[in-house]
Amino acid sequence: TSDDLSTATAPAAADDVLDLQGRHVVLPGLINTHHHFFQTLTR
């Protein structure tokens, strides 16, 4: 939680802080397992 991490020593000294202000859902990046990039030019 934000409360847990804000009181820890290392996170409090983060070089960069992104405050999402309660307006975002965060999840692991999605993983694409099959594609043919070159076909973008011939849709």
Full PDB file with SEQRES, HELIX, SHEET, SSBOND, CRYST1, ORIGX, SCALE, CONECT and MASTER records, all heavy atoms in Angstrom:
SEQRES   1 A   43  THR SER ASP ASP LEU SER THR ALA THR ALA PRO ALA ALA          
SEQRES   2 A   43  ALA ASP ASP VAL LEU ASP LEU GLN GLY ARG HIS VAL VAL          
SEQRES   3 A   43  LEU PRO GLY LEU ILE ASN THR HIS HIS HIS PHE PHE GLN          
SEQRES   4 A   43  THR LEU THR ARG                                              
HELIX    1 AA1 SER A    2  THR A    7  1                                   6    
HELIX    2 AA2 THR A    9  ALA A   12  1                                   4    
HELIX    3 AA3 PHE A   37  THR A   42  5                                   6    
CRYST1    1.000    1.000    1.000  90.00  90.00  90.00 P 1           1          
ORIGX1      1.000000  0.000000  0.000000        0.00000                         
ORIGX2      0.000000  1.000000  0.000000        0.00000                         
ORIGX3      0.000000  0.000000  1.000000        0.00000                         
SCALE1      1.000000  0.000000  0.000000        0.00000                         
SCALE2      0.000000  1.000000  0.000000        0.00000                         
SCALE3      0.000000  0.000000  1.000000        0.00000                         
ATOM      1  N   THR A   1       0.843  -1.192   0.000  1.00  0.00           N  
ATOM      2  CA  THR A   1       0.000   0.000   0.000  1.00  0.00           C  
ATOM      3  C   THR A   1       0.878   1.240   0.000  1.00  0.00           C  
ATOM      4  O   THR A   1       2.065   1.189   0.349  1.00  0.00           O  
ATOM      5  CB  THR A   1      -0.910   0.037   1.232  1.00  0.00           C  
ATOM      6  OG1 THR A   1      -0.103   0.201   2.407  1.00  0.00           O  
ATOM      7  CG2 THR A   1      -1.735  -1.245   1.349  1.00  0.00           C  
ATOM      8  N   SER A   2       0.290   2.351  -0.369  1.00  0.00           N  
ATOM      9  CA  SER A   2       1.040   3.602  -0.362  1.00  0.00           C  
ATOM     10  C   SER A   2       1.494   3.956   1.042  1.00  0.00           C  
ATOM     11  O   SER A   2       2.601   4.472   1.244  1.00  0.00           O  
ATOM     12  CB  SER A   2       0.184   4.735  -0.936  1.00  0.00           C  
ATOM     13  OG  SER A   2      -0.072   4.511  -2.306  1.00  0.00           O  
ATOM     14  N   ASP A   3       0.655   3.667   2.043  1.00  0.00           N  
ATOM     15  CA  ASP A   3       1.042   3.944   3.434  1.00  0.00           C  
ATOM     16  C   ASP A   3       2.240   3.105   3.836  1.00  0.00           C  
ATOM     17  O   ASP A   3       3.182   3.608   4.466  1.00  0.00           O  
ATOM     18  CB  ASP A   3      -0.130   3.657   4.372  1.00  0.00           C  
ATOM     19  CG  ASP A   3      -1.265   4.663   4.204  1.00  0.00           C  
ATOM     20  OD1 ASP A   3      -0.996   5.756   3.650  1.00  0.00           O  
ATOM     21  OD2 ASP A   3      -2.390   4.344   4.605  1.00  0.00           O  
ATOM     22  N   ASP A   4       2.235   1.820   3.460  1.00  0.00           N  
ATOM     23  CA  ASP A   4       3.345   0.942   3.822  1.00  0.00           C  
ATOM     24  C   ASP A   4       4.655   1.422   3.197  1.00  0.00           C  
ATOM     25  O   ASP A   4       5.681   1.523   3.873  1.00  0.00           O  
ATOM     26  CB  ASP A   4       3.069  -0.490   3.356  1.00  0.00           C  
ATOM     27  CG  ASP A   4       1.949  -1.153   4.143  1.00  0.00           C  
ATOM     28  OD1 ASP A   4       1.650  -0.684   5.254  1.00  0.00           O  
ATOM     29  OD2 ASP A   4       1.381  -2.128   3.624  1.00  0.00           O  
ATOM     30  N   LEU A   5       4.631   1.725   1.920  1.00  0.00           N  
ATOM     31  CA  LEU A   5       5.871   2.054   1.237  1.00  0.00           C  
ATOM     32  C   LEU A   5       6.369   3.461   1.546  1.00  0.00           C  
ATOM     33  O   LEU A   5       7.573   3.718   1.505  1.00  0.00           O  
ATOM     34  CB  LEU A   5       5.709   1.891  -0.283  1.00  0.00           C  
ATOM     35  CG  LEU A   5       6.102   0.493  -0.807  1.00  0.00           C  
ATOM     36  CD1 LEU A   5       5.199  -0.592  -0.256  1.00  0.00           C  
ATOM     37  CD2 LEU A   5       6.082   0.459  -2.332  1.00  0.00           C  
ATOM     38  N   SER A   6       5.470   4.375   1.874  1.00  0.00           N  
ATOM     39  CA  SER A   6       5.909   5.733   2.161  1.00  0.00           C  
ATOM     40  C   SER A   6       6.630   5.835   3.496  1.00  0.00           C  
ATOM     41  O   SER A   6       7.389   6.775   3.723  1.00  0.00           O  
ATOM     42  CB  SER A   6       4.721   6.693   2.156  1.00  0.00           C  
ATOM     43  OG  SER A   6       3.833   6.395   3.226  1.00  0.00           O  
ATOM     44  N   THR A   7       6.420   4.860   4.374  1.00  0.00           N  
ATOM     45  CA  THR A   7       7.085   4.901   5.680  1.00  0.00           C  
ATOM     46  C   THR A   7       8.383   4.116   5.696  1.00  0.00           C  
ATOM     47  O   THR A   7       9.150   4.206   6.641  1.00  0.00           O  
ATOM     48  CB  THR A   7       6.162   4.337   6.771  1.00  0.00           C  
ATOM     49  OG1 THR A   7       5.794   2.996   6.431  1.00  0.00           O  
ATOM     50  CG2 THR A   7       4.903   5.189   6.896  1.00  0.00           C  
ATOM     51  N   ALA A   8       8.641   3.330   4.620  1.00  0.00           N  
ATOM     52  CA  ALA A   8       9.895   2.576   4.566  1.00  0.00           C  
ATOM     53  C   ALA A   8      11.041   3.514   4.216  1.00  0.00           C  
ATOM     54  O   ALA A   8      10.881   4.487   3.484  1.00  0.00           O  
ATOM     55  CB  ALA A   8       9.789   1.466   3.524  1.00  0.00           C  
ATOM     56  N   THR A   9      12.217   3.217   4.701  1.00  0.00           N  
ATOM     57  CA  THR A   9      13.362   4.115   4.537  1.00  0.00           C  
ATOM     58  C   THR A   9      13.745   4.308   3.080  1.00  0.00           C  
ATOM     59  O   THR A   9      13.885   5.420   2.592  1.00  0.00           O  
ATOM     60  CB  THR A   9      14.578   3.567   5.307  1.00  0.00           C  
ATOM     61  OG1 THR A   9      14.220   3.448   6.680  1.00  0.00           O  
ATOM     62  CG2 THR A   9      15.752   4.521   5.172  1.00  0.00           C  
ATOM     63  N   ALA A  10      13.917   3.199   2.329  1.00  0.00           N  
ATOM     64  CA  ALA A  10      14.378   3.318   0.949  1.00  0.00           C  
ATOM     65  C   ALA A  10      13.356   4.016   0.045  1.00  0.00           C  
ATOM     66  O   ALA A  10      13.711   4.963  -0.658  1.00  0.00           O  
ATOM     67  CB  ALA A  10      14.749   1.945   0.389  1.00  0.00           C  
ATOM     68  N   PRO A  11      12.081   3.614   0.062  1.00  0.00           N  
ATOM     69  CA  PRO A  11      11.131   4.294  -0.800  1.00  0.00           C  
ATOM     70  C   PRO A  11      11.011   5.787  -0.515  1.00  0.00           C  
ATOM     71  O   PRO A  11      10.793   6.585  -1.416  1.00  0.00           O  
ATOM     72  CB  PRO A  11       9.816   3.565  -0.518  1.00  0.00           C  
ATOM     73  CG  PRO A  11      10.243   2.192  -0.124  1.00  0.00           C  
ATOM     74  CD  PRO A  11      11.507   2.404   0.655  1.00  0.00           C  
ATOM     75  N   ALA A  12      11.155   6.184   0.732  1.00  0.00           N  
ATOM     76  CA  ALA A  12      11.044   7.598   1.070  1.00  0.00           C  
ATOM     77  C   ALA A  12      12.124   8.419   0.376  1.00  0.00           C  
ATOM     78  O   ALA A  12      11.967   9.617   0.162  1.00  0.00           O  
ATOM     79  CB  ALA A  12      11.129   7.785   2.579  1.00  0.00           C  
ATOM     80  N   ALA A  13      13.209   7.749   0.017  1.00  0.00           N  
ATOM     81  CA  ALA A  13      14.336   8.455  -0.615  1.00  0.00           C  
ATOM     82  C   ALA A  13      14.409   8.185  -2.107  1.00  0.00           C  
ATOM     83  O   ALA A  13      15.474   8.282  -2.707  1.00  0.00           O  
ATOM     84  CB  ALA A  13      15.630   8.020   0.057  1.00  0.00           C  
ATOM     85  N   ALA A  14      13.269   7.849  -2.727  1.00  0.00           N  
ATOM     86  CA  ALA A  14      13.264   7.527  -4.151  1.00  0.00           C  
ATOM     87  C   ALA A  14      13.734   8.710  -4.983  1.00  0.00           C  
ATOM     88  O   ALA A  14      13.406   9.865  -4.712  1.00  0.00           O  
ATOM     89  CB  ALA A  14      11.865   7.108  -4.588  1.00  0.00           C  
ATOM     90  N   ASP A  15      14.507   8.403  -6.024  1.00  0.00           N  
ATOM     91  CA  ASP A  15      14.985   9.448  -6.928  1.00  0.00           C  
ATOM     92  C   ASP A  15      13.833  10.085  -7.705  1.00  0.00           C  
ATOM     93  O   ASP A  15      13.867  11.269  -8.031  1.00  0.00           O  
ATOM     94  CB  ASP A  15      15.990   8.863  -7.921  1.00  0.00           C  
ATOM     95  CG  ASP A  15      17.211   8.276  -7.226  1.00  0.00           C  
ATOM     96  OD1 ASP A  15      17.654   8.867  -6.221  1.00  0.00           O  
ATOM     97  OD2 ASP A  15      17.702   7.232  -7.689  1.00  0.00           O  
ATOM     98  N   ASP A  16      12.821   9.282  -8.011  1.00  0.00           N  
ATOM     99  CA  ASP A  16      11.689   9.765  -8.802  1.00  0.00           C  
ATOM    100  C   ASP A  16      10.411   9.245  -8.164  1.00  0.00           C  
ATOM    101  O   ASP A  16      10.350   8.086  -7.730  1.00  0.00           O  
ATOM    102  CB  ASP A  16      11.809   9.265 -10.244  1.00  0.00           C  
ATOM    103  CG  ASP A  16      10.799   9.901 -11.184  1.00  0.00           C  
ATOM    104  OD1 ASP A  16      10.220  10.949 -10.812  1.00  0.00           O  
ATOM    105  OD2 ASP A  16      10.582   9.347 -12.284  1.00  0.00           O  
ATOM    106  N   VAL A  17       9.394  10.096  -8.080  1.00  0.00           N  
ATOM    107  CA  VAL A  17       8.107   9.711  -7.504  1.00  0.00           C  
ATOM    108  C   VAL A  17       7.010  10.013  -8.510  1.00  0.00           C  
ATOM    109  O   VAL A  17       6.926  11.130  -9.036  1.00  0.00           O  
ATOM    110  CB  VAL A  17       7.830  10.455  -6.183  1.00  0.00           C  
ATOM    111  CG1 VAL A  17       6.440  10.091  -5.656  1.00  0.00           C  
ATOM    112  CG2 VAL A  17       8.890  10.127  -5.143  1.00  0.00           C  
ATOM    113  N   LEU A  18       6.177   9.006  -8.806  1.00  0.00           N  
ATOM    114  CA  LEU A  18       5.014   9.181  -9.663  1.00  0.00           C  
ATOM    115  C   LEU A  18       3.771   9.026  -8.801  1.00  0.00           C  
ATOM    116  O   LEU A  18       3.462   7.927  -8.336  1.00  0.00           O  
ATOM    117  CB  LEU A  18       5.020   8.154 -10.798  1.00  0.00           C  
ATOM    118  CG  LEU A  18       3.812   8.164 -11.744  1.00  0.00           C  
ATOM    119  CD1 LEU A  18       3.676   9.517 -12.436  1.00  0.00           C  
ATOM    120  CD2 LEU A  18       3.913   7.042 -12.770  1.00  0.00           C  
ATOM    121  N   ASP A  19       3.068  10.113  -8.570  1.00  0.00           N  
ATOM    122  CA  ASP A  19       1.855  10.115  -7.762  1.00  0.00           C  
ATOM    123  C   ASP A  19       0.655  10.014  -8.699  1.00  0.00           C  
ATOM    124  O   ASP A  19       0.351  10.955  -9.444  1.00  0.00           O  
ATOM    125  CB  ASP A  19       1.787  11.404  -6.934  1.00  0.00           C  
ATOM    126  CG  ASP A  19       0.619  11.409  -5.957  1.00  0.00           C  
ATOM    127  OD1 ASP A  19      -0.266  10.524  -6.072  1.00  0.00           O  
ATOM    128  OD2 ASP A  19       0.586  12.303  -5.086  1.00  0.00           O  
ATOM    129  N   LEU A  20      -0.024   8.876  -8.665  1.00  0.00           N  
ATOM    130  CA  LEU A  20      -1.152   8.649  -9.564  1.00  0.00           C  
ATOM    131  C   LEU A  20      -2.469   9.141  -8.992  1.00  0.00           C  
ATOM    132  O   LEU A  20      -3.520   9.017  -9.635  1.00  0.00           O  
ATOM    133  CB  LEU A  20      -1.238   7.163  -9.928  1.00  0.00           C  
ATOM    134  CG  LEU A  20      -0.059   6.643 -10.758  1.00  0.00           C  
ATOM    135  CD1 LEU A  20      -0.211   5.156 -11.065  1.00  0.00           C  
ATOM    136  CD2 LEU A  20       0.096   7.425 -12.058  1.00  0.00           C  
ATOM    137  N   GLN A  21      -2.459   9.674  -7.785  1.00  0.00           N  
ATOM    138  CA  GLN A  21      -3.588  10.412  -7.200  1.00  0.00           C  
ATOM    139  C   GLN A  21      -4.895   9.626  -7.197  1.00  0.00           C  
ATOM    140  O   GLN A  21      -5.978  10.198  -7.335  1.00  0.00           O  
ATOM    141  CB  GLN A  21      -3.771  11.743  -7.938  1.00  0.00           C  
ATOM    142  CG  GLN A  21      -2.526  12.631  -7.885  1.00  0.00           C  
ATOM    143  CD  GLN A  21      -2.681  13.923  -8.656  1.00  0.00           C  
ATOM    144  OE1 GLN A  21      -3.504  14.020  -9.571  1.00  0.00           O  
ATOM    145  NE2 GLN A  21      -1.892  14.930  -8.289  1.00  0.00           N  
ATOM    146  N   GLY A  22      -4.787   8.305  -7.076  1.00  0.00           N  
ATOM    147  CA  GLY A  22      -5.982   7.474  -6.979  1.00  0.00           C  
ATOM    148  C   GLY A  22      -6.794   7.376  -8.250  1.00  0.00           C  
ATOM    149  O   GLY A  22      -7.975   7.002  -8.220  1.00  0.00           O  
ATOM    150  N   ARG A  23      -6.177   7.673  -9.390  1.00  0.00           N  
ATOM    151  CA  ARG A  23      -6.930   7.730 -10.645  1.00  0.00           C  
ATOM    152  C   ARG A  23      -6.529   6.647 -11.646  1.00  0.00           C  
ATOM    153  O   ARG A  23      -6.939   6.694 -12.804  1.00  0.00           O  
ATOM    154  CB  ARG A  23      -6.742   9.106 -11.297  1.00  0.00           C  
ATOM    155  CG  ARG A  23      -7.225  10.266 -10.458  1.00  0.00           C  
ATOM    156  CD  ARG A  23      -7.001  11.588 -11.174  1.00  0.00           C  
ATOM    157  NE  ARG A  23      -7.712  11.626 -12.456  1.00  0.00           N  
ATOM    158  CZ  ARG A  23      -7.504  12.561 -13.391  1.00  0.00           C  
ATOM    159  NH1 ARG A  23      -6.580  13.485 -13.200  1.00  0.00           N  
ATOM    160  NH2 ARG A  23      -8.198  12.554 -14.520  1.00  0.00           N  
ATOM    161  N   HIS A  24      -5.723   5.676 -11.217  1.00  0.00           N  
ATOM    162  CA  HIS A  24      -5.230   4.678 -12.169  1.00  0.00           C  
ATOM    163  C   HIS A  24      -5.303   3.261 -11.603  1.00  0.00           C  
ATOM    164  O   HIS A  24      -5.151   3.053 -10.389  1.00  0.00           O  
ATOM    165  CB  HIS A  24      -3.771   4.959 -12.552  1.00  0.00           C  
ATOM    166  CG  HIS A  24      -3.577   6.209 -13.339  1.00  0.00           C  
ATOM    167  ND1 HIS A  24      -3.632   7.460 -12.775  1.00  0.00           N  
ATOM    168  CD2 HIS A  24      -3.334   6.402 -14.672  1.00  0.00           C  
ATOM    169  CE1 HIS A  24      -3.424   8.379 -13.715  1.00  0.00           C  
ATOM    170  NE2 HIS A  24      -3.237   7.761 -14.860  1.00  0.00           N  
ATOM    171  N   VAL A  25      -5.498   2.314 -12.513  1.00  0.00           N  
ATOM    172  CA  VAL A  25      -5.300   0.910 -12.186  1.00  0.00           C  
ATOM    173  C   VAL A  25      -3.978   0.501 -12.830  1.00  0.00           C  
ATOM    174  O   VAL A  25      -3.702   0.828 -13.983  1.00  0.00           O  
ATOM    175  CB  VAL A  25      -6.479   0.034 -12.690  1.00  0.00           C  
ATOM    176  CG1 VAL A  25      -6.701   0.188 -14.174  1.00  0.00           C  
ATOM    177  CG2 VAL A  25      -6.252  -1.429 -12.348  1.00  0.00           C  
ATOM    178  N   VAL A  26      -3.131  -0.161 -12.045  1.00  0.00           N  
ATOM    179  CA  VAL A  26      -1.804  -0.578 -12.495  1.00  0.00           C  
ATOM    180  C   VAL A  26      -1.745  -2.096 -12.517  1.00  0.00           C  
ATOM    181  O   VAL A  26      -2.230  -2.753 -11.592  1.00  0.00           O  
ATOM    182  CB  VAL A  26      -0.702  -0.002 -11.580  1.00  0.00           C  
ATOM    183  CG1 VAL A  26       0.660  -0.632 -11.886  1.00  0.00           C  
ATOM    184  CG2 VAL A  26      -0.637   1.523 -11.730  1.00  0.00           C  
ATOM    185  N   LEU A  27      -1.164  -2.659 -13.549  1.00  0.00           N  
ATOM    186  CA  LEU A  27      -1.043  -4.106 -13.660  1.00  0.00           C  
ATOM    187  C   LEU A  27       0.232  -4.466 -14.417  1.00  0.00           C  
ATOM    188  O   LEU A  27       0.891  -3.584 -14.990  1.00  0.00           O  
ATOM    189  CB  LEU A  27      -2.266  -4.710 -14.354  1.00  0.00           C  
ATOM    190  CG  LEU A  27      -2.585  -4.335 -15.803  1.00  0.00           C  
ATOM    191  CD1 LEU A  27      -3.433  -5.442 -16.453  1.00  0.00           C  
ATOM    192  CD2 LEU A  27      -3.381  -3.024 -15.843  1.00  0.00           C  
ATOM    193  N   PRO A  28       0.604  -5.738 -14.419  1.00  0.00           N  
ATOM    194  CA  PRO A  28       1.806  -6.142 -15.166  1.00  0.00           C  
ATOM    195  C   PRO A  28       1.639  -5.822 -16.647  1.00  0.00           C  
ATOM    196  O   PRO A  28       0.529  -5.878 -17.191  1.00  0.00           O  
ATOM    197  CB  PRO A  28       1.887  -7.658 -14.945  1.00  0.00           C  
ATOM    198  CG  PRO A  28       1.000  -7.940 -13.782  1.00  0.00           C  
ATOM    199  CD  PRO A  28      -0.050  -6.890 -13.770  1.00  0.00           C  
ATOM    200  N   GLY A  29       2.746  -5.506 -17.304  1.00  0.00           N  
ATOM    201  CA  GLY A  29       2.683  -5.292 -18.743  1.00  0.00           C  
ATOM    202  C   GLY A  29       2.165  -6.527 -19.458  1.00  0.00           C  
ATOM    203  O   GLY A  29       2.486  -7.659 -19.084  1.00  0.00           O  
ATOM    204  N   LEU A  30       1.363  -6.319 -20.489  1.00  0.00           N  
ATOM    205  CA  LEU A  30       0.820  -7.430 -21.263  1.00  0.00           C  
ATOM    206  C   LEU A  30       1.905  -8.017 -22.166  1.00  0.00           C  
ATOM    207  O   LEU A  30       2.854  -7.328 -22.551  1.00  0.00           O  
ATOM    208  CB  LEU A  30      -0.369  -6.961 -22.102  1.00  0.00           C  
ATOM    209  CG  LEU A  30      -1.477  -6.200 -21.361  1.00  0.00           C  
ATOM    210  CD1 LEU A  30      -2.620  -5.869 -22.320  1.00  0.00           C  
ATOM    211  CD2 LEU A  30      -1.982  -6.969 -20.149  1.00  0.00           C  
ATOM    212  N   ILE A  31       1.756  -9.291 -22.496  1.00  0.00           N  
ATOM    213  CA  ILE A  31       2.786 -10.026 -23.230  1.00  0.00           C  
ATOM    214  C   ILE A  31       2.190 -10.581 -24.519  1.00  0.00           C  
ATOM    215  O   ILE A  31       1.221 -11.350 -24.490  1.00  0.00           O  
ATOM    216  CB  ILE A  31       3.360 -11.160 -22.346  1.00  0.00           C  
ATOM    217  CG1 ILE A  31       4.013 -10.562 -21.091  1.00  0.00           C  
ATOM    218  CG2 ILE A  31       4.355 -12.007 -23.138  1.00  0.00           C  
ATOM    219  CD1 ILE A  31       4.321 -11.568 -20.014  1.00  0.00           C  
ATOM    220  N   ASN A  32       2.761 -10.185 -25.644  1.00  0.00           N  
ATOM    221  CA  ASN A  32       2.294 -10.619 -26.962  1.00  0.00           C  
ATOM    222  C   ASN A  32       3.126 -11.809 -27.428  1.00  0.00           C  
ATOM    223  O   ASN A  32       4.341 -11.694 -27.591  1.00  0.00           O  
ATOM    224  CB  ASN A  32       2.429  -9.455 -27.950  1.00  0.00           C  
ATOM    225  CG  ASN A  32       1.985  -9.820 -29.347  1.00  0.00           C  
ATOM    226  OD1 ASN A  32       1.081 -10.626 -29.531  1.00  0.00           O  
ATOM    227  ND2 ASN A  32       2.628  -9.235 -30.343  1.00  0.00           N  
ATOM    228  N   THR A  33       2.474 -12.932 -27.694  1.00  0.00           N  
ATOM    229  CA  THR A  33       3.210 -14.164 -27.970  1.00  0.00           C  
ATOM    230  C   THR A  33       3.278 -14.549 -29.449  1.00  0.00           C  
ATOM    231  O   THR A  33       3.889 -15.559 -29.791  1.00  0.00           O  
ATOM    232  CB  THR A  33       2.608 -15.338 -27.178  1.00  0.00           C  
ATOM    233  OG1 THR A  33       1.230 -15.504 -27.552  1.00  0.00           O  
ATOM    234  CG2 THR A  33       2.697 -15.089 -25.681  1.00  0.00           C  
ATOM    235  N   HIS A  34       2.660 -13.743 -30.327  1.00  0.00           N  
ATOM    236  CA  HIS A  34       2.746 -14.067 -31.761  1.00  0.00           C  
ATOM    237  C   HIS A  34       2.374 -12.848 -32.588  1.00  0.00           C  
ATOM    238  O   HIS A  34       1.331 -12.222 -32.369  1.00  0.00           O  
ATOM    239  CB  HIS A  34       1.811 -15.223 -32.115  1.00  0.00           C  
ATOM    240  CG  HIS A  34       1.914 -15.661 -33.551  1.00  0.00           C  
ATOM    241  ND1 HIS A  34       3.048 -16.237 -34.078  1.00  0.00           N  
ATOM    242  CD2 HIS A  34       1.010 -15.593 -34.585  1.00  0.00           C  
ATOM    243  CE1 HIS A  34       2.848 -16.525 -35.366  1.00  0.00           C  
ATOM    244  NE2 HIS A  34       1.625 -16.134 -35.690  1.00  0.00           N  
ATOM    245  N   HIS A  35       3.231 -12.512 -33.569  1.00  0.00           N  
ATOM    246  CA  HIS A  35       2.998 -11.328 -34.394  1.00  0.00           C  
ATOM    247  C   HIS A  35       3.838 -11.438 -35.656  1.00  0.00           C  
ATOM    248  O   HIS A  35       4.758 -12.253 -35.736  1.00  0.00           O  
ATOM    249  CB  HIS A  35       3.402 -10.076 -33.601  1.00  0.00           C  
ATOM    250  CG  HIS A  35       2.663  -8.826 -34.005  1.00  0.00           C  
ATOM    251  ND1 HIS A  35       2.269  -8.566 -35.291  1.00  0.00           N  
ATOM    252  CD2 HIS A  35       2.269  -7.747 -33.283  1.00  0.00           C  
ATOM    253  CE1 HIS A  35       1.646  -7.394 -35.334  1.00  0.00           C  
ATOM    254  NE2 HIS A  35       1.630  -6.872 -34.130  1.00  0.00           N  
ATOM    255  N   HIS A  36       3.498 -10.582 -36.637  1.00  0.00           N  
ATOM    256  CA  HIS A  36       4.319 -10.396 -37.840  1.00  0.00           C  
ATOM    257  C   HIS A  36       4.368  -8.892 -38.090  1.00  0.00           C  
ATOM    258  O   HIS A  36       3.516  -8.327 -38.783  1.00  0.00           O  
ATOM    259  CB  HIS A  36       3.721 -11.131 -39.040  1.00  0.00           C  
ATOM    260  CG  HIS A  36       3.470 -12.582 -38.807  1.00  0.00           C  
ATOM    261  ND1 HIS A  36       4.493 -13.491 -38.588  1.00  0.00           N  
ATOM    262  CD2 HIS A  36       2.313 -13.292 -38.719  1.00  0.00           C  
ATOM    263  CE1 HIS A  36       3.975 -14.701 -38.397  1.00  0.00           C  
ATOM    264  NE2 HIS A  36       2.660 -14.601 -38.463  1.00  0.00           N  
ATOM    265  N   PHE A  37       5.366  -8.240 -37.517  1.00  0.00           N  
ATOM    266  CA  PHE A  37       5.441  -6.786 -37.535  1.00  0.00           C  
ATOM    267  C   PHE A  37       5.428  -6.203 -38.951  1.00  0.00           C  
ATOM    268  O   PHE A  37       4.836  -5.158 -39.200  1.00  0.00           O  
ATOM    269  CB  PHE A  37       6.715  -6.308 -36.832  1.00  0.00           C  
ATOM    270  CG  PHE A  37       6.718  -6.439 -35.334  1.00  0.00           C  
ATOM    271  CD1 PHE A  37       7.893  -6.209 -34.622  1.00  0.00           C  
ATOM    272  CD2 PHE A  37       5.585  -6.776 -34.621  1.00  0.00           C  
ATOM    273  CE1 PHE A  37       7.920  -6.307 -33.234  1.00  0.00           C  
ATOM    274  CE2 PHE A  37       5.591  -6.884 -33.237  1.00  0.00           C  
ATOM    275  CZ  PHE A  37       6.774  -6.651 -32.544  1.00  0.00           C  
ATOM    276  N   PHE A  38       6.123  -6.877 -39.879  1.00  0.00           N  
ATOM    277  CA  PHE A  38       6.284  -6.310 -41.219  1.00  0.00           C  
ATOM    278  C   PHE A  38       4.950  -6.080 -41.916  1.00  0.00           C  
ATOM    279  O   PHE A  38       4.815  -5.216 -42.798  1.00  0.00           O  
ATOM    280  CB  PHE A  38       7.185  -7.199 -42.090  1.00  0.00           C  
ATOM    281  CG  PHE A  38       6.556  -8.504 -42.502  1.00  0.00           C  
ATOM    282  CD1 PHE A  38       5.825  -8.599 -43.672  1.00  0.00           C  
ATOM    283  CD2 PHE A  38       6.708  -9.647 -41.728  1.00  0.00           C  
ATOM    284  CE1 PHE A  38       5.258  -9.804 -44.066  1.00  0.00           C  
ATOM    285  CE2 PHE A  38       6.140 -10.855 -42.105  1.00  0.00           C  
ATOM    286  CZ  PHE A  38       5.407 -10.932 -43.277  1.00  0.00           C  
ATOM    287  N   GLN A  39       3.927  -6.816 -41.497  1.00  0.00           N  
ATOM    288  CA  GLN A  39       2.630  -6.715 -42.157  1.00  0.00           C  
ATOM    289  C   GLN A  39       1.908  -5.401 -41.863  1.00  0.00           C  
ATOM    290  O   GLN A  39       0.880  -5.101 -42.485  1.00  0.00           O  
ATOM    291  CB  GLN A  39       1.754  -7.907 -41.761  1.00  0.00           C  
ATOM    292  CG  GLN A  39       2.259  -9.230 -42.268  1.00  0.00           C  
ATOM    293  CD  GLN A  39       1.396 -10.404 -41.838  1.00  0.00           C  
ATOM    294  OE1 GLN A  39       0.283 -10.222 -41.338  1.00  0.00           O  
ATOM    295  NE2 GLN A  39       1.895 -11.616 -42.026  1.00  0.00           N  
ATOM    296  N   THR A  40       2.431  -4.608 -40.948  1.00  0.00           N  
ATOM    297  CA  THR A  40       1.840  -3.307 -40.658  1.00  0.00           C  
ATOM    298  C   THR A  40       1.727  -2.447 -41.915  1.00  0.00           C  
ATOM    299  O   THR A  40       0.831  -1.606 -42.020  1.00  0.00           O  
ATOM    300  CB  THR A  40       2.698  -2.567 -39.605  1.00  0.00           C  
ATOM    301  OG1 THR A  40       2.773  -3.376 -38.426  1.00  0.00           O  
ATOM    302  CG2 THR A  40       2.106  -1.225 -39.235  1.00  0.00           C  
ATOM    303  N   LEU A  41       2.621  -2.654 -42.866  1.00  0.00           N  
ATOM    304  CA  LEU A  41       2.640  -1.834 -44.086  1.00  0.00           C  
ATOM    305  C   LEU A  41       1.666  -2.321 -45.153  1.00  0.00           C  
ATOM    306  O   LEU A  41       1.501  -1.662 -46.183  1.00  0.00           O  
ATOM    307  CB  LEU A  41       4.054  -1.804 -44.668  1.00  0.00           C  
ATOM    308  CG  LEU A  41       5.152  -1.266 -43.743  1.00  0.00           C  
ATOM    309  CD1 LEU A  41       6.503  -1.319 -44.441  1.00  0.00           C  
ATOM    310  CD2 LEU A  41       4.831   0.144 -43.270  1.00  0.00           C  
ATOM    311  N   THR A  42       1.017  -3.479 -44.927  1.00  0.00           N  
ATOM    312  CA  THR A  42       0.131  -4.034 -45.962  1.00  0.00           C  
ATOM    313  C   THR A  42      -1.215  -4.435 -45.369  1.00  0.00           C  
ATOM    314  O   THR A  42      -1.707  -5.539 -45.600  1.00  0.00           O  
ATOM    315  CB  THR A  42       0.794  -5.246 -46.658  1.00  0.00           C  
ATOM    316  OG1 THR A  42       1.142  -6.228 -45.662  1.00  0.00           O  
ATOM    317  CG2 THR A  42       2.031  -4.841 -47.419  1.00  0.00           C  
ATOM    318  N   ARG A  43      -1.812  -3.517 -44.634  1.00  0.00           N  
ATOM    319  CA  ARG A  43      -3.110  -3.799 -44.019  1.00  0.00           C  
ATOM    320  C   ARG A  43      -4.260  -3.507 -45.000  1.00  0.00           C  
ATOM    321  O   ARG A  43      -4.162  -2.614 -45.836  1.00  0.00           O  
ATOM    322  CB  ARG A  43      -3.284  -2.974 -42.748  1.00  0.00           C  
ATOM    323  CG  ARG A  43      -2.242  -3.304 -41.691  1.00  0.00           C  
ATOM    324  CD  ARG A  43      -2.688  -2.906 -40.303  1.00  0.00           C  
ATOM    325  NE  ARG A  43      -2.204  -1.597 -39.895  1.00  0.00           N  
ATOM    326  CZ  ARG A  43      -2.063  -1.213 -38.616  1.00  0.00           C  
ATOM    327  NH1 ARG A  43      -2.359  -2.039 -37.636  1.00  0.00           N  
ATOM    328  NH2 ARG A  43      -1.641  -0.008 -38.326  1.00  0.00           N  
TER     329      ARG A  43                                                      
MASTER        0    0    0    3    0    0    0    6  328    1    0    4          
END                                                                             
